[in-house]
N, C-alpha and C. Protein backbone atom coordinates (compact mmCIF):
# COMPACT_ATOMS: atom_id res chain seq x y z
N UNK A 1 10.60 -1.10 19.20
CA UNK A 1 11.33 -2.90 19.38
C UNK A 1 10.49 -3.69 18.00
N UNK A 2 9.30 -3.52 19.00
CA UNK A 2 8.76 -4.94 18.41
C UNK A 2 8.02 -5.03 17.29
N UNK A 3 7.75 -3.38 16.50
CA UNK A 3 7.58 -3.74 14.64
C UNK A 3 8.67 -4.17 14.25
N UNK A 4 9.70 -3.34 14.28
CA UNK A 4 11.28 -4.12 13.96
C UNK A 4 11.00 -6.02 14.12
N UNK A 5 11.14 -5.97 14.58
CA UNK A 5 11.00 -7.44 15.39
C UNK A 5 10.16 -8.26 14.24
N UNK A 6 8.78 -7.97 14.61
CA UNK A 6 8.22 -8.49 12.90
C UNK A 6 8.43 -8.33 11.87
N UNK A 7 8.60 -7.14 11.66
CA UNK A 7 8.97 -6.83 10.33
C UNK A 7 9.91 -7.79 9.55
N UNK A 8 11.33 -8.34 10.46
CA UNK A 8 12.35 -9.15 10.29
C UNK A 8 11.83 -10.67 10.53
N UNK A 9 11.03 -10.55 10.83
CA UNK A 9 10.64 -12.25 11.09
C UNK A 9 9.80 -12.07 9.62
N UNK A 10 8.52 -11.68 9.24
CA UNK A 10 7.89 -11.73 7.99
C UNK A 10 8.34 -11.99 6.93
N UNK A 11 8.33 -13.70 6.82
CA UNK A 11 8.42 -14.12 5.52
C UNK A 11 7.00 -15.19 4.58
N UNK A 12 6.22 -14.07 3.75
CA UNK A 12 5.68 -14.63 3.33
C UNK A 12 5.11 -15.89 2.62
N UNK A 13 6.84 -16.05 1.64
CA UNK A 13 7.32 -17.32 1.32
C UNK A 13 7.05 -19.05 2.03
N UNK A 14 6.91 -18.38 3.09
CA UNK A 14 6.99 -19.38 4.25
C UNK A 14 5.19 -20.28 4.05
N UNK A 15 4.73 -19.19 3.89
CA UNK A 15 2.48 -19.96 3.84
C UNK A 15 2.35 -19.68 2.44
N UNK A 16 3.39 -19.62 1.60
CA UNK A 16 2.34 -19.78 -0.14
C UNK A 16 1.34 -21.01 -0.26
N UNK A 17 2.07 -22.17 0.63
CA UNK A 17 1.12 -22.98 0.30
C UNK A 17 -0.20 -22.72 0.59
N UNK A 18 -0.37 -21.85 1.87
CA UNK A 18 -1.49 -21.43 2.06
C UNK A 18 -2.79 -21.30 1.19
N UNK A 19 -2.20 -20.04 0.59
CA UNK A 19 -3.27 -19.56 -0.23
C UNK A 19 -4.25 -20.07 -1.22
N UNK A 20 -4.08 -20.97 -1.91
CA UNK A 20 -4.99 -22.28 -2.91
C UNK A 20 -5.91 -22.54 -1.89
N UNK A 21 -6.81 -22.55 -2.31
CA UNK A 21 -7.22 -22.35 -3.74
C UNK A 21 -7.91 -20.63 -4.22
N UNK A 22 -7.43 -19.95 -3.49
CA UNK A 22 -7.27 -18.09 -3.77
C UNK A 22 -6.52 -17.99 -4.84
N UNK A 23 -6.76 -16.90 -5.36
CA UNK A 23 -5.85 -16.71 -6.68
C UNK A 23 -4.44 -15.83 -6.71
N UNK A 24 -3.66 -16.75 -7.13
CA UNK A 24 -2.31 -16.33 -6.26
C UNK A 24 -1.37 -15.24 -7.46
N UNK A 25 -1.47 -14.06 -7.95
CA UNK A 25 -0.96 -13.60 -9.53
C UNK A 25 0.85 -12.90 -8.34
N UNK A 26 1.47 -13.38 -9.07
CA UNK A 26 3.09 -12.66 -8.42
C UNK A 26 3.71 -11.83 -9.94
N UNK A 27 3.85 -10.92 -9.51
CA UNK A 27 4.51 -10.10 -10.74
C UNK A 27 6.32 -9.94 -9.51
N UNK A 28 7.33 -9.89 -10.88
CA UNK A 28 8.41 -9.86 -10.23
C UNK A 28 9.34 -9.40 -11.11
N UNK A 29 10.25 -8.36 -10.68
CA UNK A 29 11.07 -7.66 -11.49
C UNK A 29 12.56 -8.59 -11.74
N UNK A 30 12.75 -8.86 -13.06
CA UNK A 30 13.81 -9.80 -13.03
C UNK A 30 15.62 -9.78 -12.14
N UNK A 31 15.64 -8.05 -12.44
CA UNK A 31 17.02 -7.85 -11.58
C UNK A 31 16.86 -7.28 -9.99
N UNK A 32 15.32 -7.30 -9.40
CA UNK A 32 15.26 -6.89 -7.78
C UNK A 32 16.62 -7.32 -7.23
N UNK A 33 17.04 -6.21 -6.73
CA UNK A 33 18.07 -6.52 -5.65
C UNK A 33 17.25 -6.70 -4.13
N UNK A 34 15.82 -5.91 -4.11
CA UNK A 34 15.46 -6.24 -2.86
C UNK A 34 14.91 -7.29 -2.22
N UNK A 35 13.95 -7.97 -3.55
CA UNK A 35 12.94 -9.22 -3.67
C UNK A 35 13.32 -9.92 -4.01
N UNK A 36 14.25 -11.31 -3.76
CA UNK A 36 15.16 -11.99 -4.59
C UNK A 36 14.32 -12.96 -5.89
N UNK A 37 14.58 -12.46 -6.69
CA UNK A 37 13.59 -13.28 -7.78
C UNK A 37 14.15 -15.19 -8.09
N UNK A 38 14.77 -15.35 -7.58
CA UNK A 38 14.62 -16.71 -7.12
C UNK A 38 13.95 -17.18 -5.99
N UNK A 39 13.72 -16.51 -4.80
CA UNK A 39 13.40 -16.61 -4.04
C UNK A 39 11.59 -16.92 -4.84
N UNK A 40 11.40 -15.83 -5.28
CA UNK A 40 9.76 -15.31 -5.74
C UNK A 40 9.53 -16.57 -6.53
N UNK A 41 10.30 -16.98 -7.57
CA UNK A 41 10.14 -18.21 -8.43
C UNK A 41 9.49 -19.19 -7.86
N UNK A 42 11.31 -19.74 -6.77
CA UNK A 42 10.45 -21.24 -5.73
C UNK A 42 9.26 -20.79 -4.78
N UNK A 43 8.56 -19.74 -4.59
CA UNK A 43 7.29 -19.89 -3.99
C UNK A 43 6.95 -20.68 -4.81
N UNK A 44 6.67 -19.64 -6.03
CA UNK A 44 5.50 -19.44 -6.95
C UNK A 44 5.34 -20.98 -7.17
N UNK A 45 6.30 -21.88 -7.69
CA UNK A 45 6.66 -23.13 -7.74
C UNK A 45 5.79 -24.31 -6.27
N UNK A 46 5.85 -23.80 -5.61
CA UNK A 46 5.60 -24.65 -4.54
C UNK A 46 3.68 -24.05 -3.90
N UNK A 47 3.32 -22.47 -4.63
CA UNK A 47 1.88 -22.22 -4.54
C UNK A 47 1.14 -23.74 -5.14
N UNK A 48 -0.51 -23.26 -4.99
CA UNK A 48 -1.56 -23.58 -5.73
C UNK A 48 -1.98 -22.82 -6.75
N UNK A 49 -2.80 -23.70 -7.34
CA UNK A 49 -3.42 -23.11 -8.45
C UNK A 49 -5.01 -22.42 -8.03
N UNK A 50 -4.93 -21.95 -8.60
CA UNK A 50 -4.89 -21.18 -9.90
C UNK A 50 -3.63 -19.80 -9.25
N UNK A 51 -2.85 -19.88 -9.75
CA UNK A 51 -1.42 -18.45 -9.62
C UNK A 51 -0.84 -18.17 -11.25
N UNK A 52 -0.58 -17.02 -11.01
CA UNK A 52 0.70 -16.67 -12.52
C UNK A 52 1.04 -16.23 -11.68
N UNK A 53 2.50 -15.95 -12.71
CA UNK A 53 4.08 -15.31 -12.11
C UNK A 53 4.13 -14.24 -13.60
N UNK A 54 4.63 -13.02 -13.92
CA UNK A 54 4.85 -12.26 -14.56
C UNK A 54 6.08 -11.97 -14.27
N UNK A 55 7.11 -11.65 -15.01
CA UNK A 55 8.32 -11.69 -14.96
C UNK A 55 8.90 -10.36 -15.46
N UNK A 56 9.02 -9.18 -14.97
CA UNK A 56 9.28 -7.39 -16.06
C UNK A 56 10.75 -7.50 -16.13
N UNK A 57 11.52 -6.84 -17.29
CA UNK A 57 12.59 -6.29 -17.24
C UNK A 57 12.72 -4.80 -15.74
N UNK A 58 13.57 -5.73 -15.25
CA UNK A 58 14.38 -4.20 -14.33
C UNK A 58 14.75 -4.38 -13.05
N UNK A 59 14.80 -3.34 -11.97
CA UNK A 59 14.80 -3.53 -10.81
C UNK A 59 13.67 -3.41 -9.46
N UNK A 60 13.98 -3.30 -8.61
CA UNK A 60 12.55 -3.41 -7.92
C UNK A 60 11.61 -2.66 -7.85
N UNK A 61 11.20 -0.91 -8.19
CA UNK A 61 10.76 -0.30 -8.44
C UNK A 61 10.74 -0.32 -9.83
N UNK A 62 10.59 -0.84 -10.26
CA UNK A 62 9.99 -0.52 -11.79
C UNK A 62 9.26 -1.41 -12.23
N UNK A 63 8.48 -1.88 -11.30
CA UNK A 63 6.93 -2.21 -11.53
C UNK A 63 6.23 -1.19 -10.75
N UNK A 64 6.90 -0.28 -10.52
CA UNK A 64 6.02 0.76 -10.07
C UNK A 64 5.41 2.11 -10.66
N UNK A 65 3.82 2.51 -10.74
CA UNK A 65 3.55 3.19 -11.72
C UNK A 65 4.48 4.65 -12.43
N UNK A 66 5.09 5.10 -10.96
CA UNK A 66 5.86 6.28 -10.91
C UNK A 66 7.36 6.13 -11.58
N UNK A 67 7.54 4.75 -11.55
CA UNK A 67 8.79 4.45 -12.32
C UNK A 67 8.81 5.31 -13.73
N UNK A 68 7.08 5.42 -14.42
CA UNK A 68 7.21 5.54 -16.02
C UNK A 68 7.87 4.48 -16.81
N UNK A 69 8.09 3.09 -17.05
CA UNK A 69 8.68 2.66 -17.83
C UNK A 69 8.00 1.71 -18.18
N UNK A 70 8.01 0.64 -19.55
CA UNK A 70 7.52 -0.38 -19.93
C UNK A 70 7.42 -1.52 -18.36
N UNK A 71 7.67 -1.66 -17.80
CA UNK A 71 7.55 -2.86 -16.98
C UNK A 71 6.83 -2.15 -16.30
N UNK A 72 6.15 -0.88 -15.69
CA UNK A 72 5.43 -0.86 -14.92
C UNK A 72 3.99 -0.57 -15.54
N UNK A 73 4.30 -0.96 -17.11
CA UNK A 73 2.95 -0.53 -17.64
C UNK A 73 2.23 -2.20 -17.69
N UNK A 74 3.63 -3.15 -18.11
CA UNK A 74 3.16 -4.21 -17.92
C UNK A 74 2.85 -5.03 -16.37
N UNK A 75 3.22 -4.38 -15.64
CA UNK A 75 2.77 -4.82 -14.07
C UNK A 75 1.41 -4.35 -13.79
N UNK A 76 1.01 -3.05 -14.52
CA UNK A 76 -0.21 -2.44 -14.36
C UNK A 76 -1.11 -3.44 -14.86
N UNK A 77 -1.22 -4.13 -16.56
CA UNK A 77 -1.80 -4.92 -17.36
C UNK A 77 -2.02 -5.97 -16.74
N UNK A 78 -1.32 -6.65 -15.85
CA UNK A 78 -1.24 -8.38 -15.79
C UNK A 78 -2.03 -7.57 -14.48
N UNK A 79 -2.28 -6.67 -13.25
CA UNK A 79 -2.47 -6.83 -12.28
C UNK A 79 -4.43 -6.21 -12.69
N UNK A 80 -4.20 -5.38 -13.82
CA UNK A 80 -5.79 -5.20 -14.22
C UNK A 80 -6.50 -6.48 -14.76
N UNK A 81 -5.51 -7.20 -15.53
CA UNK A 81 -6.29 -8.51 -16.42
C UNK A 81 -6.47 -9.48 -15.08
N UNK A 82 -5.97 -9.33 -13.88
CA UNK A 82 -6.21 -10.78 -12.70
C UNK A 82 -7.36 -10.34 -11.82
N UNK A 83 -7.38 -8.73 -11.88
CA UNK A 83 -8.50 -8.28 -10.99
C UNK A 83 -9.92 -8.43 -12.52
N UNK A 84 -9.74 -8.39 -13.21
CA UNK A 84 -10.91 -8.02 -14.05
C UNK A 84 -11.51 -10.18 -14.57
N UNK A 85 -10.42 -10.52 -14.12
CA UNK A 85 -10.79 -11.86 -14.94
C UNK A 85 -10.76 -13.02 -13.62
N UNK A 86 -9.09 -13.51 -12.95
CA UNK A 86 -9.20 -14.09 -12.23
C UNK A 86 -10.29 -14.25 -10.67
N UNK A 87 -10.04 -12.86 -10.53
CA UNK A 87 -10.42 -12.48 -8.99
C UNK A 87 -12.62 -12.48 -8.90
N UNK A 88 -12.77 -12.29 -10.14
CA UNK A 88 -13.93 -12.55 -10.69
C UNK A 88 -14.31 -13.59 -10.81
N UNK A 89 -13.44 -14.38 -11.31
CA UNK A 89 -13.87 -16.35 -11.86
C UNK A 89 -14.01 -16.20 -10.36
N UNK A 90 -13.22 -16.46 -9.02
CA UNK A 90 -12.96 -16.65 -8.18
C UNK A 90 -13.90 -16.69 -7.37
N UNK A 91 -14.51 -15.74 -7.13
CA UNK A 91 -15.77 -14.80 -6.57
C UNK A 91 -17.24 -15.08 -7.29
N UNK A 92 -16.99 -16.18 -8.59
CA UNK A 92 -18.54 -16.94 -8.88
C UNK A 92 -19.04 -15.75 -9.98
N UNK A 93 -18.56 -15.19 -10.53
CA UNK A 93 -19.26 -13.73 -11.43
C UNK A 93 -18.65 -14.54 -12.75
N UNK A 94 -19.29 -14.22 -13.81
CA UNK A 94 -19.24 -14.66 -15.43
C UNK A 94 -18.89 -13.41 -15.59
N UNK A 95 -18.06 -13.29 -16.37
CA UNK A 95 -16.60 -12.36 -17.29
C UNK A 95 -17.01 -11.03 -17.98
N UNK A 96 -17.65 -10.55 -17.71
CA UNK A 96 -18.53 -9.52 -18.78
C UNK A 96 -17.01 -9.11 -20.21
N UNK A 97 -17.68 -8.96 -20.66
CA UNK A 97 -17.43 -9.06 -22.53
C UNK A 97 -16.26 -7.19 -22.11
N UNK A 98 -14.68 -7.17 -22.14
CA UNK A 98 -14.64 -6.10 -22.06
C UNK A 98 -13.34 -6.02 -23.30
N UNK A 99 -13.14 -5.25 -23.78
CA UNK A 99 -12.17 -4.75 -24.74
C UNK A 99 -11.07 -4.15 -24.03
N UNK A 100 -9.89 -4.55 -24.25
CA UNK A 100 -8.75 -4.25 -23.54
C UNK A 100 -8.12 -3.90 -24.36
N UNK A 101 -7.43 -2.32 -24.88
CA UNK A 101 -6.41 -1.91 -25.82
C UNK A 101 -5.10 -1.78 -25.46
N UNK A 102 -4.38 -1.43 -26.09
CA UNK A 102 -2.76 -2.06 -26.07
C UNK A 102 -2.54 -0.97 -24.74
N UNK A 103 -1.18 -1.71 -24.67
CA UNK A 103 -0.47 -0.94 -23.35
C UNK A 103 -0.21 0.69 -23.44
N UNK A 104 0.58 1.32 -23.15
CA UNK A 104 -0.17 2.78 -23.26
C UNK A 104 1.41 2.86 -23.42
N UNK A 105 2.73 2.42 -23.19
CA UNK A 105 3.72 2.35 -23.87
C UNK A 105 3.82 1.75 -25.38
N UNK A 106 2.97 1.12 -25.54
CA UNK A 106 2.74 0.28 -27.55
C UNK A 106 2.19 1.48 -28.41
N UNK A 107 1.73 2.67 -27.36
CA UNK A 107 1.26 3.76 -28.56
C UNK A 107 2.27 4.31 -28.92
N UNK A 108 1.78 5.26 -29.46
CA UNK A 108 2.97 5.99 -30.19
C UNK A 108 2.38 7.63 -29.42
N UNK A 109 3.90 8.30 -29.78
CA UNK A 109 3.49 9.38 -29.18
C UNK A 109 2.40 10.10 -29.83
N UNK A 110 2.02 10.39 -31.30
CA UNK A 110 0.71 10.92 -30.93
C UNK A 110 -0.66 10.62 -30.81
N UNK A 111 -0.24 9.54 -30.03
CA UNK A 111 -1.48 8.49 -29.76
C UNK A 111 -1.98 8.36 -28.28
N UNK A 112 -1.24 9.36 -27.33
CA UNK A 112 -0.89 9.20 -26.42
C UNK A 112 -1.93 10.58 -25.49
């Protein structure tokens, strides 16, 4: 029972101000029925820099790779950019020169 109570009391948006100066990437699905997009936007507004918000089309699971859609490709691209740029900069590393290709969804069928 204590695990259920802890889950129900979990409210990460209440402490979003404490994350800065660590980078905060947020990816939200615009039609999410599980995590309210409006609450995520409100939390993002309260968060300190550095922060990034990427909004993608779809419902809650649209950002997961198993969904196989454009929103998942966008979420993966955003997370990869964050890991490759913001996190390295935060850790004090210089950025490597990397050429990123198009998103998988931007490729034609014969290019996969």
